[in-house]
Amino acid sequence: MHDIKWIRDNAQAFDQALARRNHQPMAEKLLATDEALRAIKTDLQNMQAERNSRSKEIGAAKAKGEDAQAIIDDVGRLKTAIQDGEEKERVLQAELGEILGGIPNLLDADVPDGADEESNVEIKQVGNVPTFDFEPKDHIDLGEGLGLMDFEAAARMSGSRFVVLKGALSRLERALGAFMIDVQTGENGYEEVSPPLLVRDEAAFGTNQLPKFAEDLFKTTNDYWLIPTAEVSLTNLVREQILDEDVLPIRYTALTPCFRSEAGAAGKDTRGMIRMHQFTKVELVSIVHPDESEAEHERMTGCAEEILKRLGLAYRVMVLASGDTGFGARKTYDLEVWLPGQNQYREISSCSNTGEFQARRMNARFRPEGEKGTRFVHTLNGSGIAVGRALVAVLENYQQADGSIAIPEVLQPYMGGQTVIEPIGA
């Protein structure tokens, strides 16, 4: 959400900032609606003042024994006009809110320009890409070869983009989630939360899933939305709150199922576990002072990186170009892990700074010490990390010639000391 007062004073800069996202100019339409809204508010104030004045005249006329009917008729007409004006005000307010709610966040100045992901810029590569003395398989062949990954059974009950994991692979998925949440809570200062998986419209709007991305969400018949990420629940913990400055920063994490319709990904990654309707993810959310959000963005990205480092996975850090940055983000770093089965890097974590964009949608503020009034907090979110994709990465990077999977050392305590996952019957 954007500050209409700022847009009034910076209309040209606002449109120039939108142009970086290949978005049409919006200032003229916004300001016309805003001007009409302010005009009707002024009219309402004037009519209310006149009504109050005329109402007093009724009492004065009656006290003098004069006929007050003409004044009463005027007050009645003013009452009707005020009611009509209030309805116009509601319509214009809703119209302005709808327009503002559909405009993406403005980008940081250092976000590289570019139309799409081809313009994303690599910041660094970390770790060594593994080499094999055999032809590496992808996670689908590996999982099915173990007898522990079943897409056909999932399709029979749920359709495409679902999977059934069994035995040691199911435990490995659980181990990855437990390991990640332990690192983020025990070492990186995040507070673990077990949040609702179903939210109302206001929560989804607050973290900019609505209205733009409604088709990418699953909705129940009684008007709840299944969360596409725990970012929705965690960030909305501060909705409509005024926080004391000394409680900032607030850092939350959650390990939850996530649900996405993938309506915008038709035909992409239809095989395997890369893009699922249901998946598990560790989410990181920070609520911070505006002066600290850039530093917090770097910190959060580092917290996600640490998981990949400890798993011994090669990855690279990308800063997203203007045309690839998400609707609510002002700047985003993607972590892309190396997948030998695909012979390429694939996204496994995305860490975004949204500035005050979400806070305005949620009305989440804080009281600065020594200042009058309140300010909007800044919010950040990131994957710390996607458990399903981490499972894919472990399978492909730790595969052995006989189809077995070596278990990374950091996960072995979560696997009861098991060091290798062997094919069933081996």
Protein backbone atom coordinates (compact mmCIF):
# COMPACT_ATOMS: atom_id res chain seq x y z
CA MET A 1 0.00 0.00 0.00
CA HIS A 2 1.21 3.49 -0.75
CA ASP A 3 0.94 6.84 0.99
CA ILE A 4 -1.45 9.01 -1.04
CA LYS A 5 -0.03 12.14 0.60
CA TRP A 6 3.45 11.25 -0.68
CA ILE A 7 2.04 10.60 -4.15
CA ARG A 8 0.40 14.06 -4.18
CA ASP A 9 3.81 15.64 -3.63
CA ASN A 10 5.79 13.22 -5.80
CA ALA A 11 3.48 12.23 -8.65
CA GLN A 12 6.18 12.20 -11.33
CA ALA A 13 8.62 10.24 -9.17
CA PHE A 14 5.87 7.75 -8.35
CA ASP A 15 5.13 7.05 -12.01
CA GLN A 16 8.84 6.83 -12.82
CA ALA A 17 9.24 4.25 -10.06
CA LEU A 18 6.33 2.22 -11.44
CA ALA A 19 7.87 2.37 -14.91
CA ARG A 20 10.83 0.34 -13.57
CA ARG A 21 8.34 -2.48 -13.07
CA ASN A 22 6.88 -1.96 -16.56
CA HIS A 23 3.73 -0.73 -14.82
CA GLN A 24 1.48 1.91 -16.36
CA PRO A 25 1.42 5.41 -14.79
CA MET A 26 -1.08 5.60 -11.94
CA ALA A 27 -0.60 9.02 -10.36
CA GLU A 28 -3.17 10.84 -12.50
CA LYS A 29 -5.93 8.31 -11.79
CA LEU A 30 -5.08 8.15 -8.11
CA LEU A 31 -4.96 11.90 -7.66
CA ALA A 32 -8.24 12.44 -9.52
CA THR A 33 -9.97 9.98 -7.21
CA ASP A 34 -8.24 11.47 -4.19
CA GLU A 35 -9.26 15.01 -5.22
CA ALA A 36 -12.90 13.93 -5.62
CA LEU A 37 -12.78 12.22 -2.23
CA ARG A 38 -11.32 15.26 -0.50
CA ALA A 39 -13.90 17.50 -2.19
CA ILE A 40 -16.81 15.41 -0.94
CA LYS A 41 -15.30 15.37 2.56
CA THR A 42 -15.13 19.18 2.48
CA ASP A 43 -18.74 19.36 1.26
CA LEU A 44 -19.82 17.04 4.05
CA GLN A 45 -18.08 19.15 6.67
CA ASN A 46 -19.73 22.29 5.32
CA MET A 47 -23.16 20.70 5.15
CA GLN A 48 -22.83 19.27 8.65
CA ALA A 49 -21.84 22.68 9.98
CA GLU A 50 -24.80 24.28 8.18
CA ARG A 51 -27.16 21.62 9.49
CA ASN A 52 -25.97 22.21 13.05
CA SER A 53 -26.43 25.95 12.65
CA ARG A 54 -29.90 25.64 11.11
CA SER A 55 -30.94 23.15 13.80
CA LYS A 56 -30.15 25.77 16.45
CA GLU A 57 -32.31 28.24 14.52
CA ILE A 58 -35.30 25.93 14.91
CA GLY A 59 -35.14 26.15 18.68
CA ALA A 60 -34.65 29.90 18.55
CA ALA A 61 -37.62 30.39 16.23
CA LYS A 62 -39.90 28.26 18.39
CA ALA A 63 -38.79 30.13 21.50
CA LYS A 64 -39.97 33.34 19.83
CA GLY A 65 -43.23 31.73 18.74
CA GLU A 66 -42.28 31.96 15.06
CA ASP A 67 -43.07 29.41 12.35
CA ALA A 68 -40.01 27.14 12.03
CA GLN A 69 -41.30 24.87 9.24
CA ALA A 70 -39.16 26.39 6.50
CA ILE A 71 -36.05 25.88 8.65
CA ILE A 72 -37.14 22.31 9.46
CA ASP A 73 -37.53 21.62 5.73
CA ASP A 74 -34.03 22.99 5.09
CA VAL A 75 -32.57 20.76 7.80
CA GLY A 76 -34.36 17.77 6.27
CA ARG A 77 -32.93 18.55 2.86
CA LEU A 78 -29.46 18.90 4.40
CA LYS A 79 -29.86 15.56 6.17
CA THR A 80 -30.70 13.85 2.85
CA ALA A 81 -27.80 15.59 1.11
CA ILE A 82 -25.41 14.51 3.88
CA GLN A 83 -26.58 10.89 3.58
CA ASP A 84 -26.03 11.01 -0.19
CA GLY A 85 -22.62 12.58 0.33
CA GLU A 86 -21.61 9.92 2.87
CA GLU A 87 -22.50 7.21 0.37
CA LYS A 88 -20.40 8.93 -2.32
CA GLU A 89 -17.56 9.18 0.21
CA ARG A 90 -17.75 5.43 0.92
CA VAL A 91 -17.72 4.64 -2.79
CA LEU A 92 -14.75 6.91 -3.50
CA GLN A 93 -12.85 5.66 -0.44
CA ALA A 94 -13.35 2.07 -1.60
CA GLU A 95 -12.32 3.00 -5.14
CA LEU A 96 -9.14 4.70 -3.93
CA GLY A 97 -8.33 1.73 -1.69
CA GLU A 98 -8.88 -0.70 -4.55
CA ILE A 99 -6.57 1.23 -6.86
CA LEU A 100 -3.86 1.58 -4.22
CA GLY A 101 -4.21 -2.09 -3.24
CA GLY A 102 -3.45 -3.21 -6.79
CA ILE A 103 -0.23 -1.20 -7.22
CA PRO A 104 3.07 -3.00 -6.49
CA ASN A 105 5.72 -1.81 -4.08
CA LEU A 106 8.32 0.65 -5.29
CA LEU A 107 11.78 -0.81 -5.80
CA ASP A 108 14.99 0.08 -4.00
CA ALA A 109 17.33 2.19 -6.08
CA ASP A 110 19.98 -0.56 -6.22
CA VAL A 111 17.65 -3.21 -7.70
CA PRO A 112 18.98 -3.95 -11.21
CA ASP A 113 16.72 -3.07 -14.13
CA GLY A 114 15.58 -5.88 -16.37
CA ALA A 115 12.43 -7.39 -17.82
CA ASP A 116 12.60 -10.84 -16.24
CA GLU A 117 14.73 -13.45 -14.46
CA GLU A 118 17.29 -13.35 -17.25
CA SER A 119 18.37 -9.98 -15.86
CA ASN A 120 18.87 -11.19 -12.29
CA VAL A 121 22.39 -10.53 -11.04
CA GLU A 122 24.58 -13.13 -9.34
CA ILE A 123 26.11 -11.82 -6.12
CA LYS A 124 28.23 -14.84 -5.23
CA GLN A 125 28.63 -18.61 -5.47
CA VAL A 126 29.23 -20.68 -2.35
CA GLY A 127 30.42 -24.27 -2.10
CA ASN A 128 31.73 -26.70 -4.68
CA VAL A 129 29.48 -28.21 -7.31
CA PRO A 130 29.81 -31.98 -6.82
CA THR A 131 31.25 -34.28 -9.45
CA PHE A 132 30.31 -37.92 -9.91
CA ASP A 133 32.01 -40.88 -11.56
CA PHE A 134 28.58 -42.00 -12.75
CA GLU A 135 25.63 -40.33 -14.46
CA PRO A 136 23.70 -38.57 -11.68
CA LYS A 137 19.95 -39.12 -11.53
CA ASP A 138 17.24 -36.64 -10.67
CA HIS A 139 15.26 -36.88 -7.44
CA ILE A 140 12.32 -38.57 -9.15
CA ASP A 141 14.37 -41.53 -10.35
CA LEU A 142 16.21 -41.65 -7.05
CA GLY A 143 13.09 -41.54 -4.88
CA GLU A 144 11.22 -44.07 -6.96
CA GLY A 145 14.33 -46.24 -7.12
CA LEU A 146 14.41 -46.28 -3.32
CA GLY A 147 10.78 -47.38 -3.35
CA LEU A 148 9.97 -44.46 -1.04
CA MET A 149 8.55 -41.79 -3.37
CA ASP A 150 5.19 -42.40 -5.02
CA PHE A 151 3.67 -39.88 -7.40
CA GLU A 152 1.15 -42.34 -8.86
CA ALA A 153 -0.49 -43.06 -5.50
CA ALA A 154 -0.68 -39.33 -4.81
CA ALA A 155 -2.25 -38.71 -8.22
CA ARG A 156 -4.91 -41.35 -7.63
CA MET A 157 -6.15 -39.55 -4.52
CA SER A 158 -5.28 -35.91 -5.23
CA GLY A 159 -4.20 -35.39 -8.84
CA SER A 160 -0.99 -33.85 -10.13
CA ARG A 161 1.56 -31.86 -8.10
CA PHE A 162 1.31 -34.12 -5.04
CA VAL A 163 3.61 -36.83 -3.72
CA VAL A 164 3.61 -39.60 -1.15
CA LEU A 165 6.85 -40.05 0.79
CA LYS A 166 7.39 -43.21 2.79
CA GLY A 167 9.75 -44.65 5.34
CA ALA A 168 13.19 -43.08 5.49
CA LEU A 169 12.30 -40.35 2.96
CA SER A 170 9.35 -39.27 5.07
CA ARG A 171 11.62 -39.20 8.10
CA LEU A 172 14.29 -37.31 6.14
CA GLU A 173 11.74 -34.63 5.26
CA ARG A 174 10.80 -34.36 8.95
CA ALA A 175 14.49 -34.30 9.91
CA LEU A 176 15.20 -31.42 7.53
CA GLY A 177 12.35 -29.34 8.96
CA ALA A 178 13.39 -30.04 12.55
CA PHE A 179 17.03 -29.22 11.80
CA MET A 180 16.12 -25.92 10.14
CA ILE A 181 13.78 -24.78 12.88
CA ASP A 182 16.35 -25.71 15.54
CA VAL A 183 19.02 -23.57 13.86
CA GLN A 184 16.71 -20.59 13.37
CA THR A 185 15.39 -20.66 16.93
CA GLY A 186 18.45 -21.89 18.81
CA GLU A 187 21.08 -19.82 17.04
CA ASN A 188 19.52 -17.08 14.95
CA GLY A 189 17.11 -15.54 17.44
CA TYR A 190 13.78 -16.37 15.82
CA GLU A 191 10.81 -17.22 18.02
CA GLU A 192 8.98 -20.36 16.92
CA VAL A 193 5.27 -19.97 16.27
CA SER A 194 2.57 -22.51 15.46
CA PRO A 195 0.16 -20.31 13.48
CA PRO A 196 -3.24 -20.82 11.83
CA LEU A 197 -3.13 -22.38 8.38
CA LEU A 198 -6.48 -20.80 7.47
CA VAL A 199 -6.83 -17.01 7.31
CA ARG A 200 -9.44 -14.44 6.41
CA ASP A 201 -9.42 -11.93 3.56
CA GLU A 202 -7.88 -9.17 5.67
CA ALA A 203 -4.82 -11.25 6.53
CA ALA A 204 -4.23 -12.29 2.93
CA PHE A 205 -4.64 -8.66 1.86
CA GLY A 206 -2.18 -7.53 4.53
CA THR A 207 0.65 -9.59 3.04
CA ASN A 208 -0.42 -8.72 -0.54
CA GLN A 209 -1.73 -12.12 -1.61
CA LEU A 210 -5.09 -10.43 -2.21
CA PRO A 211 -6.46 -9.14 -4.42
CA LYS A 212 -3.84 -9.71 -7.12
CA PHE A 213 -2.97 -13.37 -6.46
CA ALA A 214 -6.33 -14.85 -5.50
CA GLU A 215 -6.13 -17.45 -8.27
CA ASP A 216 -2.88 -18.80 -6.82
CA LEU A 217 -4.54 -19.57 -3.48
CA PHE A 218 -6.87 -22.30 -2.29
CA LYS A 219 -10.12 -21.09 -0.72
CA THR A 220 -12.53 -23.04 1.47
CA THR A 221 -16.29 -23.01 0.99
CA ASN A 222 -16.70 -20.85 4.10
CA ASP A 223 -14.36 -18.11 2.89
CA TYR A 224 -11.05 -18.99 4.52
CA TRP A 225 -7.80 -19.05 2.55
CA LEU A 226 -5.20 -21.80 2.97
CA ILE A 227 -1.87 -20.08 3.57
CA PRO A 228 0.57 -20.21 0.63
CA THR A 229 3.35 -19.49 3.14
CA ALA A 230 3.53 -18.90 6.88
CA GLU A 231 4.54 -15.33 6.03
CA VAL A 232 0.81 -14.57 5.97
CA SER A 233 0.13 -15.75 9.52
CA LEU A 234 3.42 -14.58 11.04
CA THR A 235 3.37 -11.07 9.61
CA ASN A 236 -0.27 -10.56 10.56
CA LEU A 237 0.61 -11.15 14.21
CA VAL A 238 1.25 -7.39 14.35
CA ARG A 239 -1.72 -6.27 12.25
CA GLU A 240 -3.60 -3.31 13.75
CA GLN A 241 -1.04 -3.08 16.56
CA ILE A 242 0.92 -0.10 17.88
CA LEU A 243 4.19 -1.47 19.24
CA ASP A 244 6.65 0.11 21.62
CA GLU A 245 9.92 0.87 19.87
CA ASP A 246 11.94 -1.14 22.38
CA VAL A 247 10.29 -4.44 21.36
CA LEU A 248 11.78 -4.16 17.87
CA PRO A 249 13.10 -6.16 16.14
CA ILE A 250 10.59 -9.00 16.37
CA ARG A 251 11.65 -12.20 14.62
CA TYR A 252 9.27 -15.12 14.04
CA THR A 253 9.70 -18.51 12.42
CA ALA A 254 7.34 -21.39 11.69
CA LEU A 255 7.50 -24.84 10.13
CA THR A 256 4.18 -25.32 8.36
CA PRO A 257 2.47 -26.95 5.43
CA CYS A 258 1.89 -24.47 2.60
CA PHE A 259 -0.70 -24.64 -0.17
CA ARG A 260 -0.55 -23.10 -3.63
CA SER A 261 -2.74 -23.66 -6.66
CA GLU A 262 0.19 -22.80 -8.97
CA ALA A 263 -2.29 -21.22 -11.37
CA GLY A 264 0.45 -18.98 -12.71
CA ALA A 265 2.84 -21.88 -13.30
CA ALA A 266 0.88 -23.94 -15.81
CA GLY A 267 3.25 -26.30 -17.60
CA LYS A 268 6.23 -25.49 -15.34
CA ASP A 269 7.89 -28.27 -13.31
CA THR A 270 4.92 -30.59 -13.68
CA ARG A 271 7.10 -33.59 -12.75
CA GLY A 272 8.70 -34.09 -9.40
CA MET A 273 8.75 -32.10 -6.15
CA ILE A 274 9.96 -28.70 -7.31
CA ARG A 275 6.52 -27.10 -7.64
CA MET A 276 3.82 -28.69 -5.50
CA HIS A 277 0.29 -27.84 -4.41
CA GLN A 278 1.22 -28.87 -0.86
CA PHE A 279 4.69 -28.54 0.62
CA THR A 280 6.48 -27.83 3.88
CA LYS A 281 8.57 -24.75 4.53
CA VAL A 282 10.37 -22.98 7.34
CA GLU A 283 9.43 -19.31 7.11
CA LEU A 284 11.31 -16.35 8.59
CA VAL A 285 9.58 -13.04 9.32
CA SER A 286 11.07 -9.89 10.83
CA ILE A 287 9.25 -6.80 12.11
CA VAL A 288 11.80 -4.00 12.44
CA HIS A 289 12.47 -0.29 12.82
CA PRO A 290 12.63 1.38 9.36
CA ASP A 291 16.26 2.33 9.94
CA GLU A 292 17.19 -1.33 10.40
CA SER A 293 15.38 -3.01 7.51
CA GLU A 294 18.26 -3.04 5.03
CA ALA A 295 20.63 -4.58 7.58
CA GLU A 296 17.92 -7.04 8.60
CA HIS A 297 17.54 -8.10 4.97
CA GLU A 298 21.21 -9.03 4.80
CA ARG A 299 20.98 -10.80 8.16
CA MET A 300 17.90 -12.82 7.17
CA THR A 301 19.50 -13.91 3.91
CA GLY A 302 22.54 -15.05 5.86
CA CYS A 303 20.32 -17.11 8.19
CA ALA A 304 18.88 -18.93 5.19
CA GLU A 305 22.35 -19.39 3.67
CA GLU A 306 23.60 -21.02 6.87
CA ILE A 307 21.20 -23.93 6.38
CA LEU A 308 22.62 -24.65 2.93
CA LYS A 309 26.18 -24.34 4.20
CA ARG A 310 25.60 -26.87 6.98
CA LEU A 311 23.94 -29.27 4.58
CA GLY A 312 27.03 -29.00 2.40
CA LEU A 313 25.08 -27.84 -0.65
CA ALA A 314 26.52 -25.61 -3.35
CA TYR A 315 24.42 -22.52 -4.02
CA ARG A 316 24.48 -19.03 -5.39
CA VAL A 317 22.90 -15.74 -4.26
CA MET A 318 21.00 -13.69 -6.81
CA VAL A 319 19.50 -10.21 -6.52
CA LEU A 320 16.30 -10.10 -8.53
CA ALA A 321 15.89 -7.63 -11.37
CA SER A 322 13.06 -5.11 -11.45
CA GLY A 323 10.90 -7.26 -13.72
CA ASP A 324 11.30 -10.37 -11.57
CA THR A 325 10.83 -8.82 -8.12
CA GLY A 326 7.60 -9.84 -6.44
CA PHE A 327 4.60 -7.54 -6.09
CA GLY A 328 5.13 -6.69 -2.42
CA ALA A 329 8.93 -6.56 -2.33
CA ARG A 330 11.19 -3.57 -2.67
CA LYS A 331 14.22 -5.86 -2.98
CA THR A 332 14.66 -9.64 -3.06
CA TYR A 333 17.56 -12.06 -2.80
CA ASP A 334 17.06 -15.58 -4.14
CA LEU A 335 19.20 -18.50 -3.01
CA GLU A 336 19.57 -21.07 -5.75
CA VAL A 337 20.87 -24.54 -4.89
CA TRP A 338 22.78 -26.76 -7.32
CA LEU A 339 20.79 -29.79 -8.50
CA PRO A 340 22.98 -32.36 -10.28
CA GLY A 341 19.96 -34.17 -11.72
CA GLN A 342 18.99 -30.98 -13.57
CA ASN A 343 22.56 -29.73 -14.01
CA GLN A 344 21.53 -26.25 -12.93
CA TYR A 345 20.84 -23.98 -9.98
CA ARG A 346 17.22 -23.80 -8.79
CA GLU A 347 15.58 -21.46 -6.29
CA ILE A 348 15.34 -22.82 -2.75
CA SER A 349 14.86 -19.62 -0.76
CA SER A 350 13.63 -16.11 -1.42
CA CYS A 351 14.26 -13.30 1.10
CA SER A 352 12.45 -10.00 0.62
CA ASN A 353 12.35 -6.59 2.23
CA THR A 354 8.86 -5.08 1.82
CA GLY A 355 9.61 -1.84 3.69
CA GLU A 356 6.39 -0.30 5.01
CA PHE A 357 4.28 -1.68 2.14
CA GLN A 358 2.69 -4.52 4.13
CA ALA A 359 2.57 -2.51 7.36
CA ARG A 360 0.34 0.07 5.67
CA ARG A 361 -1.98 -2.70 4.48
CA MET A 362 -2.11 -4.12 8.02
CA ASN A 363 -1.95 -0.78 9.88
CA ALA A 364 1.03 -2.04 11.90
CA ARG A 365 2.88 0.80 13.64
CA PHE A 366 5.27 1.64 16.47
CA ARG A 367 5.82 4.60 18.81
CA PRO A 368 9.26 6.16 18.29
CA GLU A 369 10.84 7.15 21.58
CA GLY A 370 10.82 10.89 22.16
CA GLU A 371 8.56 11.59 19.18
CA LYS A 372 4.90 12.40 18.84
CA GLY A 373 2.70 10.11 16.82
CA THR A 374 3.51 6.72 15.30
CA ARG A 375 5.37 5.31 12.32
CA PHE A 376 4.85 2.20 10.24
CA VAL A 377 7.14 -0.73 10.96
CA HIS A 378 9.07 -2.44 8.18
CA THR A 379 8.44 -6.12 7.47
CA LEU A 380 10.68 -8.75 5.88
CA ASN A 381 10.11 -12.37 4.99
CA GLY A 382 12.16 -15.27 3.70
CA SER A 383 12.33 -19.03 3.40
CA GLY A 384 14.61 -20.57 5.93
CA ILE A 385 14.25 -22.83 3.86
CA ALA A 386 11.81 -24.76 1.62
CA VAL A 387 11.88 -28.29 3.05
CA GLY A 388 10.71 -30.14 -0.06
CA ARG A 389 13.30 -28.51 -2.28
CA ALA A 390 15.96 -29.16 0.36
CA LEU A 391 14.96 -32.84 0.24
CA VAL A 392 15.36 -32.76 -3.54
CA ALA A 393 18.80 -31.16 -3.17
CA VAL A 394 19.97 -33.71 -0.58
CA LEU A 395 18.81 -36.63 -2.70
CA GLU A 396 20.55 -35.38 -5.84
CA ASN A 397 23.76 -34.11 -4.23
CA TYR A 398 24.26 -37.07 -1.85
CA GLN A 399 23.33 -39.85 -4.27
CA GLN A 400 25.67 -42.80 -4.65
CA ALA A 401 26.33 -45.07 -7.59
CA ASP A 402 24.10 -47.86 -6.25
CA GLY A 403 21.11 -45.53 -5.90
CA SER A 404 21.49 -45.11 -2.15
CA ILE A 405 21.59 -41.71 -0.46
CA ALA A 406 24.24 -40.67 2.05
CA ILE A 407 22.64 -38.69 4.86
CA PRO A 408 24.36 -35.35 5.61
CA GLU A 409 26.12 -35.44 8.95
CA VAL A 410 24.01 -32.64 10.47
CA LEU A 411 20.85 -34.65 9.81
CA GLN A 412 22.02 -37.97 11.21
CA PRO A 413 21.00 -37.19 14.81
CA TYR A 414 17.49 -36.47 13.53
CA MET A 415 17.54 -39.82 11.70
CA GLY A 416 18.34 -41.90 14.76
CA GLY A 417 21.99 -42.19 13.71
CA GLN A 418 21.18 -43.58 10.26
CA THR A 419 23.89 -42.68 7.75
CA VAL A 420 22.57 -44.08 4.47
CA ILE A 421 19.15 -44.61 2.89
CA GLU A 422 19.24 -47.87 0.95
CA PRO A 423 16.78 -48.97 -1.74
CA ILE A 424 14.05 -51.20 -0.33
CA GLY A 425 15.19 -54.83 -0.56
CA ALA A 426 18.87 -53.90 -0.92
